[in-house]
Amino acid sequence: MPPVIKLKRGLDIPIEEDLPKIWAEAPQPHVIALKPSDFKGVTPKLLVKEGDVVVAGAPVYTDKNRPNILFTAPLGGVVSAVVRGEKRKILEIRIDVIPEGAPSGVSAGEPGVLCGDPSTLSRAQIVETLLQTGLWPMLKQRPYGIIANPDDTPKAIFISAFDSAPLAPDLDYILTGQEDDLQRGIDTLHQLAPGNIHWSIPHHTPQTSVLRKVNNVHTHVFKGRHPAGNVGVQIHHIAPISKGEVVWTIDPQSVVIIGRLFGKGKLDFSKIVALTGPAAVRPCYFTMIPGSPLCIIPQIGAFKPKVRYVSGNCLTGDNVGYNGALGFYHHQITLLPERDHPEFLGWVKVFRTKTFSVSRSYLSWLFPKKRYPLDTNTNGGERAFVMADEYAKVLPMDIYPVYLLKAILAGEIEKMEALGIYEVIEEDFALCEFVCPSKIDIQEIIANGIDLMIKEMS
């Protein structure tokens, strides 16, 4: 039994709504939206044009700076639109899905696709297969949280087998029944970083859980509040990143997809997604393909103007709207009540027991087990950046968050390095943004700091 790593800092947001272990059917999407913005640091170069017919697994665009990294179509169809923004920036490539029976799918025996025991394949064969099928972007590197470089040999690969974010899906429940694909995916990754696969699980995981039956990994047990499930926090406590070092990360469902490819020779991007949030009428689990519009889910119902449709969790997800698409890395959809109007007397009404406050501004702190129907109201606007220890209370990492943020704002590269910019990405500071008394977009500051480091260090 590995020792338990106990984290004393963090915060579990008491948001109302429980996610029952109920399955529901989601129909096949009529359109798939490929969004280059899902991938940090990628400059897309189109390989198709409007009107082209593509099969599942066919490359749609590539990264201009790394043309060997391909982004493929998860389903076959016709390229119906290339949506562009300012300065002709590509926002989406939309594919109208061809109904079943039409040519689609990449199967074993076609170029770039291998099937069988990963231990019989060389590292180069595995890398090439992942690149050609479009699965390579599932591997992200630290520092910076960008797509891993296929030419690198990582110090280690880290997999967080639990999600501690608000209303997060139960990965033990999701992975049950997919044990063979999960283990095959682990064995495949072992060829990329022999003996250096780190697998983190929560302390309350039962002995019969699928999470404890994974082989060929170094298992670590974590106990604590969110962000204990963030892979960046786990890396910090297992093997911190130093300058010049590179580690890779991947989520368990992506490991299953890789295992499915090498075990069955079939490219299948589908994953299990959880519908959550106070505004969700019927929270449940269902199977969905990244890029599918949220509106195809029957449990979401008709469009409601006072609901925010978030791809991902409520702290780090993207506000995509009712017709928006599921993000490439997301396995959760969160529906939040939209509320932005000011409240009469605001924080002066201290005798409230139905409003959550981290700073104990209201009497609700007397009821620690109470859950609240939180909404999108920020209860105030951005103000001066004050020095406070609120960030340190929720960030279980040995860094100075306020000083790091100010170093980024000042553009001080050396100070950013010394203060831990290599160890963090936006999601690690999501709770800091939630508790920020100044209402500052802290995740955007971290993103800008990472962009500056990439530019200066390239």
Protein backbone atom coordinates (compact mmCIF):
# COMPACT_ATOMS: atom_id res chain seq x y z
CA MET A 1 0.00 0.00 0.00
CA PRO A 2 1.60 3.32 -1.09
CA PRO A 3 1.74 6.12 1.51
CA VAL A 4 -1.06 8.70 1.45
CA ILE A 5 -0.07 12.20 0.31
CA LYS A 6 -2.18 14.55 2.44
CA LEU A 7 -2.94 18.04 1.15
CA LYS A 8 -4.02 20.55 3.80
CA ARG A 9 -4.91 23.42 1.49
CA GLY A 10 -7.73 23.57 -1.04
CA LEU A 11 -11.48 24.10 -1.24
CA ASP A 12 -14.43 21.88 -2.10
CA ILE A 13 -17.07 24.26 -3.45
CA PRO A 14 -20.43 23.20 -1.94
CA ILE A 15 -22.44 23.47 -5.13
CA GLU A 16 -25.89 21.94 -5.07
CA GLU A 17 -26.81 18.83 -7.14
CA ASP A 18 -25.71 15.22 -6.99
CA LEU A 19 -24.76 13.23 -10.07
CA PRO A 20 -26.62 9.90 -10.00
CA LYS A 21 -25.11 6.88 -11.71
CA ILE A 22 -27.72 6.84 -14.47
CA TRP A 23 -27.05 6.18 -18.15
CA ALA A 24 -28.88 7.92 -20.99
CA GLU A 25 -28.64 7.69 -24.76
CA ALA A 26 -27.28 10.57 -26.84
CA PRO A 27 -28.02 10.45 -30.59
CA GLN A 28 -25.30 10.63 -33.20
CA PRO A 29 -24.47 14.27 -33.89
CA HIS A 30 -25.53 15.80 -37.18
CA VAL A 31 -22.46 18.05 -37.19
CA ILE A 32 -18.98 17.92 -35.66
CA ALA A 33 -17.04 21.09 -34.85
CA LEU A 34 -13.23 20.86 -34.71
CA LYS A 35 -11.88 23.78 -32.68
CA PRO A 36 -8.15 24.63 -32.91
CA SER A 37 -8.64 26.77 -29.79
CA ASP A 38 -8.87 23.54 -27.77
CA PHE A 39 -5.11 23.16 -28.25
CA LYS A 40 -2.79 25.71 -26.71
CA GLY A 41 -0.01 26.96 -28.94
CA VAL A 42 -1.38 25.43 -32.16
CA THR A 43 -1.49 27.50 -35.37
CA PRO A 44 -3.82 25.54 -37.68
CA LYS A 45 -3.08 24.85 -41.32
CA LEU A 46 -6.08 23.48 -43.21
CA LEU A 47 -5.73 20.27 -45.18
CA VAL A 48 -9.32 20.38 -46.48
CA LYS A 49 -11.66 22.94 -47.97
CA GLU A 50 -15.40 23.49 -47.86
CA GLY A 51 -17.25 20.80 -49.77
CA ASP A 52 -14.61 18.09 -49.28
CA VAL A 53 -15.76 14.65 -48.16
CA VAL A 54 -13.71 13.19 -45.31
CA VAL A 55 -13.83 9.80 -43.65
CA ALA A 56 -13.38 9.25 -39.94
CA GLY A 57 -9.69 9.42 -39.12
CA ALA A 58 -8.83 11.60 -42.11
CA PRO A 59 -6.59 14.62 -41.32
CA VAL A 60 -8.47 17.93 -41.33
CA TYR A 61 -5.74 20.33 -40.25
CA THR A 62 -2.23 20.32 -38.89
CA ASP A 63 -0.04 22.57 -36.79
CA LYS A 64 1.96 24.96 -38.95
CA ASN A 65 4.91 24.83 -36.58
CA ARG A 66 4.82 21.03 -36.17
CA PRO A 67 3.29 19.57 -39.36
CA ASN A 68 3.66 15.99 -38.13
CA ILE A 69 0.91 16.60 -35.55
CA LEU A 70 -2.39 15.94 -37.29
CA PHE A 71 -5.96 16.66 -36.18
CA THR A 72 -8.41 14.18 -37.65
CA ALA A 73 -12.16 13.88 -38.19
CA PRO A 74 -13.84 11.74 -35.50
CA LEU A 75 -16.73 10.95 -37.88
CA GLY A 76 -17.06 10.89 -41.66
CA GLY A 77 -18.89 13.69 -43.45
CA VAL A 78 -18.73 16.78 -45.62
CA VAL A 79 -16.77 19.88 -44.63
CA SER A 80 -19.62 22.37 -44.52
CA ALA A 81 -17.95 25.49 -43.12
CA VAL A 82 -14.68 26.98 -41.99
CA VAL A 83 -15.59 29.59 -39.40
CA ARG A 84 -13.12 32.43 -39.09
CA GLY A 85 -12.74 35.28 -36.62
CA GLU A 86 -10.61 38.41 -36.53
CA LYS A 87 -7.62 38.44 -38.89
CA ARG A 88 -9.08 35.30 -40.50
CA LYS A 89 -8.24 33.22 -37.44
CA ILE A 90 -9.76 29.75 -37.77
CA LEU A 91 -12.32 29.22 -35.00
CA GLU A 92 -14.06 26.04 -36.17
CA ILE A 93 -14.08 23.50 -38.97
CA ARG A 94 -17.60 22.09 -39.22
CA ILE A 95 -18.28 18.68 -40.69
CA ASP A 96 -21.83 17.61 -41.59
CA VAL A 97 -21.88 13.97 -40.52
CA ILE A 98 -22.71 11.38 -43.17
CA PRO A 99 -25.42 8.95 -41.98
CA GLU A 100 -24.53 5.38 -41.11
CA GLY A 101 -23.81 3.22 -44.12
CA ALA A 102 -21.64 5.81 -45.84
CA PRO A 103 -17.85 5.30 -46.00
CA SER A 104 -16.29 6.07 -42.63
CA GLY A 105 -13.81 4.70 -40.16
CA VAL A 106 -10.15 3.82 -40.09
CA SER A 107 -9.51 0.15 -39.53
CA ALA A 108 -6.55 -2.11 -38.90
CA GLY A 109 -4.40 -2.70 -41.91
CA GLU A 110 -4.67 0.84 -43.26
CA PRO A 111 -1.54 3.05 -43.24
CA GLY A 112 -0.55 4.30 -39.81
CA VAL A 113 -2.83 1.97 -37.84
CA LEU A 114 -1.39 -0.94 -35.86
CA CYS A 115 -3.22 -3.52 -33.83
CA GLY A 116 -1.93 -5.96 -31.21
CA ASP A 117 0.21 -6.23 -28.13
CA PRO A 118 1.97 -2.85 -27.56
CA SER A 119 5.04 -4.64 -26.16
CA THR A 120 5.72 -6.06 -29.63
CA LEU A 121 5.80 -2.59 -31.18
CA SER A 122 8.69 -0.17 -31.17
CA ARG A 123 8.46 3.31 -29.72
CA ALA A 124 8.70 4.79 -33.21
CA GLN A 125 5.79 2.67 -34.46
CA ILE A 126 3.58 3.72 -31.56
CA VAL A 127 4.43 7.40 -31.98
CA GLU A 128 3.75 7.27 -35.72
CA THR A 129 0.41 5.54 -35.20
CA LEU A 130 -0.74 8.09 -32.64
CA LEU A 131 0.35 10.92 -34.93
CA GLN A 132 -1.38 9.55 -38.03
CA THR A 133 -4.67 8.79 -36.27
CA GLY A 134 -4.93 12.16 -34.51
CA LEU A 135 -4.62 10.73 -31.00
CA TRP A 136 -1.25 12.32 -30.28
CA PRO A 137 -2.84 15.62 -29.07
CA MET A 138 -4.22 13.67 -26.10
CA LEU A 139 -0.70 13.79 -24.68
CA LYS A 140 0.11 17.16 -23.12
CA GLN A 141 3.44 18.28 -21.74
CA ARG A 142 4.46 20.21 -18.66
CA PRO A 143 5.69 22.89 -18.59
CA TYR A 144 3.12 25.02 -20.42
CA GLY A 145 0.29 22.49 -20.91
CA ILE A 146 0.82 22.28 -24.68
CA ILE A 147 0.71 19.22 -26.95
CA ALA A 148 3.69 16.97 -26.27
CA ASN A 149 6.63 17.00 -28.66
CA PRO A 150 6.95 13.53 -30.29
CA ASP A 151 10.72 13.97 -30.47
CA ASP A 152 11.06 14.34 -26.69
CA THR A 153 11.62 11.57 -24.18
CA PRO A 154 9.69 12.63 -21.08
CA LYS A 155 10.96 12.33 -17.54
CA ALA A 156 7.64 10.60 -16.74
CA ILE A 157 3.98 10.37 -17.74
CA PHE A 158 1.40 11.38 -15.12
CA ILE A 159 -2.23 10.27 -15.07
CA SER A 160 -4.74 11.57 -12.54
CA ALA A 161 -7.34 8.83 -12.02
CA PHE A 162 -9.75 11.12 -10.18
CA ASP A 163 -11.29 14.53 -10.66
CA SER A 164 -11.86 16.71 -7.60
CA ALA A 165 -13.50 19.63 -9.44
CA PRO A 166 -17.07 20.62 -8.53
CA LEU A 167 -19.66 18.03 -9.64
CA ALA A 168 -16.91 15.99 -11.32
CA PRO A 169 -17.87 12.58 -12.77
CA ASP A 170 -16.84 9.41 -10.99
CA LEU A 171 -13.94 7.97 -13.00
CA ASP A 172 -14.15 4.65 -11.15
CA TYR A 173 -17.73 4.29 -12.41
CA ILE A 174 -16.78 5.43 -15.91
CA LEU A 175 -13.83 3.06 -16.29
CA THR A 176 -15.65 -0.01 -14.98
CA GLY A 177 -16.11 -2.38 -17.92
CA GLN A 178 -13.23 -0.81 -19.86
CA GLU A 179 -10.43 -2.44 -17.87
CA ASP A 180 -8.84 -4.22 -20.85
CA ASP A 181 -8.65 -1.07 -22.98
CA LEU A 182 -7.35 0.91 -20.00
CA GLN A 183 -4.54 -1.56 -19.29
CA ARG A 184 -3.63 -1.81 -22.96
CA GLY A 185 -3.43 1.97 -23.12
CA ILE A 186 -1.16 1.99 -20.06
CA ASP A 187 1.06 -0.65 -21.67
CA THR A 188 1.25 1.49 -24.81
CA LEU A 189 2.33 4.55 -22.84
CA HIS A 190 4.91 2.38 -21.07
CA GLN A 191 6.69 2.05 -24.40
CA LEU A 192 6.98 5.85 -24.55
CA ALA A 193 8.32 6.27 -20.99
CA PRO A 194 9.47 2.86 -19.70
CA GLY A 195 8.99 2.44 -15.97
CA ASN A 196 7.85 6.01 -15.44
CA ILE A 197 4.04 5.97 -15.53
CA HIS A 198 2.56 7.62 -12.43
CA TRP A 199 -1.06 6.81 -11.55
CA SER A 200 -2.80 8.87 -8.84
CA ILE A 201 -5.97 7.77 -7.04
CA PRO A 202 -8.05 9.19 -4.13
CA HIS A 203 -7.56 7.82 -0.62
CA HIS A 204 -11.16 6.58 -0.37
CA THR A 205 -10.82 4.24 -3.37
CA PRO A 206 -12.05 0.74 -2.37
CA GLN A 207 -9.77 -2.26 -2.85
CA THR A 208 -12.19 -3.71 -5.42
CA SER A 209 -12.04 -0.58 -7.57
CA VAL A 210 -10.79 -0.73 -11.15
CA LEU A 211 -8.45 2.13 -10.21
CA ARG A 212 -6.46 -0.20 -7.93
CA LYS A 213 -6.16 -2.97 -10.51
CA VAL A 214 -4.01 -1.09 -13.00
CA ASN A 215 -0.58 -2.64 -13.57
CA ASN A 216 2.70 -1.33 -14.94
CA VAL A 217 2.37 1.98 -13.05
CA HIS A 218 3.62 3.72 -9.91
CA THR A 219 0.47 4.26 -7.82
CA HIS A 220 0.11 7.32 -5.59
CA VAL A 221 -2.71 8.00 -3.13
CA PHE A 222 -3.92 11.56 -2.46
CA LYS A 223 -6.13 12.89 0.30
CA GLY A 224 -7.44 16.43 0.31
CA ARG A 225 -9.83 18.94 -1.15
CA HIS A 226 -9.84 20.31 -4.68
CA PRO A 227 -7.44 20.76 -6.52
CA ALA A 228 -6.08 17.43 -5.25
CA GLY A 229 -7.27 15.83 -8.50
CA ASN A 230 -5.34 18.27 -10.72
CA VAL A 231 -2.42 16.50 -12.33
CA GLY A 232 -0.25 19.60 -11.87
CA VAL A 233 -0.70 19.47 -8.10
CA GLN A 234 0.13 15.76 -8.14
CA ILE A 235 3.30 16.33 -10.17
CA HIS A 236 4.35 19.00 -7.66
CA HIS A 237 4.12 16.53 -4.77
CA ILE A 238 5.53 13.48 -6.59
CA ALA A 239 8.33 14.80 -8.80
CA PRO A 240 8.44 18.59 -9.25
CA ILE A 241 9.52 19.91 -12.64
CA SER A 242 12.84 21.72 -12.86
CA LYS A 243 14.01 23.95 -15.67
CA GLY A 244 14.91 21.87 -18.71
CA GLU A 245 12.75 18.88 -17.68
CA VAL A 246 9.64 17.70 -19.53
CA VAL A 247 6.86 15.45 -18.31
CA TRP A 248 3.71 14.36 -20.14
CA THR A 249 0.16 14.13 -18.88
CA ILE A 250 -2.95 12.37 -20.15
CA ASP A 251 -6.42 11.70 -18.74
CA PRO A 252 -7.71 8.12 -18.14
CA GLN A 253 -10.41 8.23 -20.84
CA SER A 254 -7.81 9.18 -23.43
CA VAL A 255 -5.75 6.21 -22.24
CA VAL A 256 -8.81 4.02 -22.91
CA ILE A 257 -9.18 5.46 -26.42
CA ILE A 258 -5.52 4.68 -27.16
CA GLY A 259 -5.93 1.17 -25.77
CA ARG A 260 -9.03 0.70 -27.90
CA LEU A 261 -7.07 1.65 -31.02
CA PHE A 262 -4.24 -0.79 -30.41
CA GLY A 263 -6.52 -3.56 -29.14
CA LYS A 264 -9.22 -3.44 -31.80
CA GLY A 265 -7.56 -1.52 -34.62
CA LYS A 266 -10.50 0.88 -34.69
CA LEU A 267 -10.29 4.63 -34.17
CA ASP A 268 -13.08 5.61 -31.82
CA PHE A 269 -13.04 9.03 -30.17
CA SER A 270 -16.18 8.46 -28.09
CA LYS A 271 -15.95 9.03 -24.35
CA ILE A 272 -18.29 8.98 -21.38
CA VAL A 273 -19.49 12.46 -20.45
CA ALA A 274 -21.39 13.65 -17.38
CA LEU A 275 -24.21 16.21 -17.57
CA THR A 276 -24.07 18.22 -14.33
CA GLY A 277 -24.97 21.55 -12.76
CA PRO A 278 -27.75 23.24 -10.76
CA ALA A 279 -29.61 24.07 -13.99
CA ALA A 280 -29.50 20.46 -15.26
CA VAL A 281 -32.96 18.92 -14.93
CA ARG A 282 -31.78 15.31 -15.24
CA PRO A 283 -28.06 14.88 -14.51
CA CYS A 284 -26.71 11.66 -16.01
CA TYR A 285 -23.88 9.95 -17.90
CA PHE A 286 -23.84 9.30 -21.64
CA THR A 287 -21.44 8.55 -24.49
CA MET A 288 -20.40 11.47 -26.68
CA ILE A 289 -17.78 12.39 -29.26
CA PRO A 290 -15.70 15.58 -28.80
CA GLY A 291 -16.93 18.26 -31.16
CA SER A 292 -20.58 17.20 -30.86
CA PRO A 293 -23.06 20.03 -30.19
CA LEU A 294 -24.51 20.08 -26.69
CA CYS A 295 -28.02 20.56 -28.04
CA ILE A 296 -28.25 16.91 -29.19
CA ILE A 297 -28.52 15.76 -25.57
CA PRO A 298 -32.23 15.22 -24.81
CA GLN A 299 -31.68 15.78 -21.08
CA ILE A 300 -30.59 19.39 -21.73
CA GLY A 301 -33.98 20.24 -23.20
CA ALA A 302 -34.88 23.35 -25.15
CA PHE A 303 -32.71 26.44 -25.13
CA LYS A 304 -33.08 28.54 -21.99
CA PRO A 305 -31.69 32.11 -22.13
CA LYS A 306 -30.93 32.22 -18.40
CA VAL A 307 -28.70 29.15 -18.46
CA ARG A 308 -24.95 29.11 -19.16
CA TYR A 309 -23.87 26.04 -21.14
CA VAL A 310 -20.31 25.13 -20.12
CA SER A 311 -18.15 22.50 -21.76
CA GLY A 312 -16.06 21.30 -18.83
CA ASN A 313 -16.43 22.09 -15.14
CA CYS A 314 -17.67 25.35 -13.67
CA LEU A 315 -14.15 26.56 -12.77
CA THR A 316 -12.17 25.93 -15.95
CA GLY A 317 -14.75 25.08 -18.63
CA ASP A 318 -15.66 27.07 -21.75
CA ASN A 319 -18.93 28.98 -22.13
CA VAL A 320 -19.94 27.50 -25.50
CA GLY A 321 -23.68 28.16 -25.57
CA TYR A 322 -26.58 25.84 -26.35
CA ASN A 323 -25.34 25.09 -29.87
CA GLY A 324 -21.68 24.96 -28.84
CA ALA A 325 -19.51 21.85 -29.05
CA LEU A 326 -17.96 19.57 -26.45
CA GLY A 327 -14.26 20.37 -26.03
CA PHE A 328 -11.57 17.88 -27.01
CA TYR A 329 -10.29 17.42 -23.43
CA HIS A 330 -13.62 17.74 -21.61
CA HIS A 331 -15.62 14.90 -20.05
CA GLN A 332 -18.20 17.03 -18.28
CA ILE A 333 -20.97 19.45 -19.26
CA THR A 334 -22.12 21.95 -16.63
CA LEU A 335 -25.35 23.95 -16.76
CA LEU A 336 -25.36 27.02 -14.51
CA PRO A 337 -28.11 29.57 -13.81
CA GLU A 338 -27.17 32.81 -15.56
CA ARG A 339 -27.39 35.71 -13.13
CA ASP A 340 -25.53 38.99 -13.44
CA HIS A 341 -27.81 41.63 -11.90
CA PRO A 342 -26.70 43.40 -8.69
CA GLU A 343 -28.27 42.39 -5.40
CA PHE A 344 -29.89 44.96 -3.12
CA LEU A 345 -27.53 45.83 -0.21
CA GLY A 346 -25.08 43.18 -1.45
CA TRP A 347 -22.54 42.04 1.14
CA VAL A 348 -24.15 44.22 3.81
CA LYS A 349 -26.82 41.55 4.34
CA VAL A 350 -24.62 39.48 6.63
CA PHE A 351 -27.44 37.46 8.17
CA ARG A 352 -27.97 35.36 5.06
CA THR A 353 -27.77 31.59 5.45
CA LYS A 354 -28.54 30.64 1.83
CA THR A 355 -25.50 32.28 0.21
CA PHE A 356 -22.04 30.71 0.23
CA SER A 357 -19.01 32.80 1.18
CA VAL A 358 -15.39 31.70 1.43
CA SER A 359 -14.50 34.65 3.65
CA ARG A 360 -17.33 34.02 6.14
CA SER A 361 -19.08 37.26 5.18
CA TYR A 362 -22.43 35.58 5.81
CA LEU A 363 -23.73 33.32 8.54
CA SER A 364 -23.83 30.41 6.09
CA TRP A 365 -20.40 29.37 7.40
CA LEU A 366 -22.19 28.02 10.46
CA PHE A 367 -23.61 25.25 8.25
CA PRO A 368 -20.48 23.57 6.79
CA LYS A 369 -22.38 20.67 5.18
CA LYS A 370 -24.95 22.84 3.43
CA ARG A 371 -24.91 22.93 -0.38
CA TYR A 372 -25.88 25.92 -2.49
CA PRO A 373 -27.43 26.46 -5.96
CA LEU A 374 -24.52 28.60 -7.14
CA ASP A 375 -24.89 30.70 -10.29
CA THR A 376 -22.69 32.84 -12.55
CA ASN A 377 -23.02 36.07 -10.56
CA THR A 378 -19.59 37.39 -9.55
CA ASN A 379 -21.12 39.77 -6.97
CA GLY A 380 -19.00 42.69 -8.05
CA GLY A 381 -16.59 43.84 -10.70
CA GLU A 382 -12.83 43.92 -11.09
CA ARG A 383 -10.99 46.19 -8.69
CA ALA A 384 -7.45 46.88 -7.48
CA PHE A 385 -5.16 43.85 -7.10
CA VAL A 386 -4.76 43.67 -3.33
CA MET A 387 -2.13 41.65 -1.47
CA ALA A 388 -3.91 38.84 0.40
CA ASP A 389 -3.28 35.29 1.50
CA GLU A 390 -6.58 33.99 0.06
CA TYR A 391 -4.78 32.38 -2.88
CA ALA A 392 -2.30 30.48 -0.72
CA LYS A 393 -5.17 28.98 1.30
CA VAL A 394 -6.56 27.14 -1.73
CA LEU A 395 -3.37 26.35 -3.69
CA PRO A 396 -1.60 23.26 -2.24
CA MET A 397 1.72 24.00 -3.91
CA ASP A 398 4.91 25.44 -2.42
CA ILE A 399 4.88 28.59 -4.53
CA TYR A 400 3.94 32.21 -3.89
CA PRO A 401 0.90 32.77 -6.11
CA VAL A 402 0.56 36.55 -5.69
CA TYR A 403 4.23 37.15 -6.48
CA LEU A 404 4.07 34.85 -9.49
CA LEU A 405 1.04 36.70 -10.85
CA LYS A 406 2.72 40.08 -10.39
CA ALA A 407 5.90 38.82 -12.05
CA ILE A 408 3.78 37.78 -15.06
CA LEU A 409 2.07 41.19 -15.17
CA ALA A 410 5.50 42.83 -15.10
CA GLY A 411 6.90 40.47 -17.74
CA GLU A 412 9.85 39.46 -15.53
CA ILE A 413 11.01 36.17 -17.09
CA GLU A 414 13.64 35.31 -14.47
CA LYS A 415 11.26 35.96 -11.59
CA MET A 416 8.55 33.87 -13.29
CA GLU A 417 11.01 30.98 -13.55
CA ALA A 418 12.06 31.28 -9.92
CA LEU A 419 8.45 31.52 -8.71
CA GLY A 420 7.21 28.34 -10.42
CA ILE A 421 5.83 29.17 -13.88
CA TYR A 422 7.10 25.79 -15.14
CA GLU A 423 4.87 23.89 -12.71
CA VAL A 424 1.49 25.49 -13.30
CA ILE A 425 -1.14 26.01 -15.96
CA GLU A 426 -4.46 27.85 -15.84
CA GLU A 427 -6.49 25.11 -14.11
CA ASP A 428 -4.15 25.12 -11.10
CA PHE A 429 -5.15 28.73 -10.37
CA ALA A 430 -8.89 28.29 -10.96
CA LEU A 431 -9.70 28.25 -7.25
CA CYS A 432 -7.54 31.35 -6.72
CA GLU A 433 -9.78 33.08 -9.23
CA PHE A 434 -12.90 31.81 -7.45
CA VAL A 435 -11.84 33.23 -4.07
CA CYS A 436 -10.18 36.39 -5.44
CA PRO A 437 -11.45 39.44 -3.53
CA SER A 438 -10.48 41.65 -6.48
CA LYS A 439 -12.51 39.65 -9.07
CA ILE A 440 -9.44 39.37 -11.32
CA ASP A 441 -9.29 36.93 -14.24
CA ILE A 442 -6.33 35.05 -12.81
CA GLN A 443 -6.46 32.15 -15.28
CA GLU A 444 -6.02 34.63 -18.13
CA ILE A 445 -2.95 36.09 -16.42
CA ILE A 446 -1.42 32.61 -16.11
CA ALA A 447 -2.25 31.90 -19.77
CA ASN A 448 -0.54 35.14 -20.82
CA GLY A 449 2.49 34.24 -18.72
CA ILE A 450 2.78 30.84 -20.38
CA ASP A 451 2.43 32.43 -23.83
CA LEU A 452 5.25 34.83 -22.93
CA MET A 453 7.48 31.96 -21.78
CA ILE A 454 6.83 29.98 -24.98
CA LYS A 455 7.66 33.03 -27.08
CA GLU A 456 10.82 33.91 -25.16
CA MET A 457 12.12 30.35 -24.84
CA SER A 458 11.45 29.20 -28.40
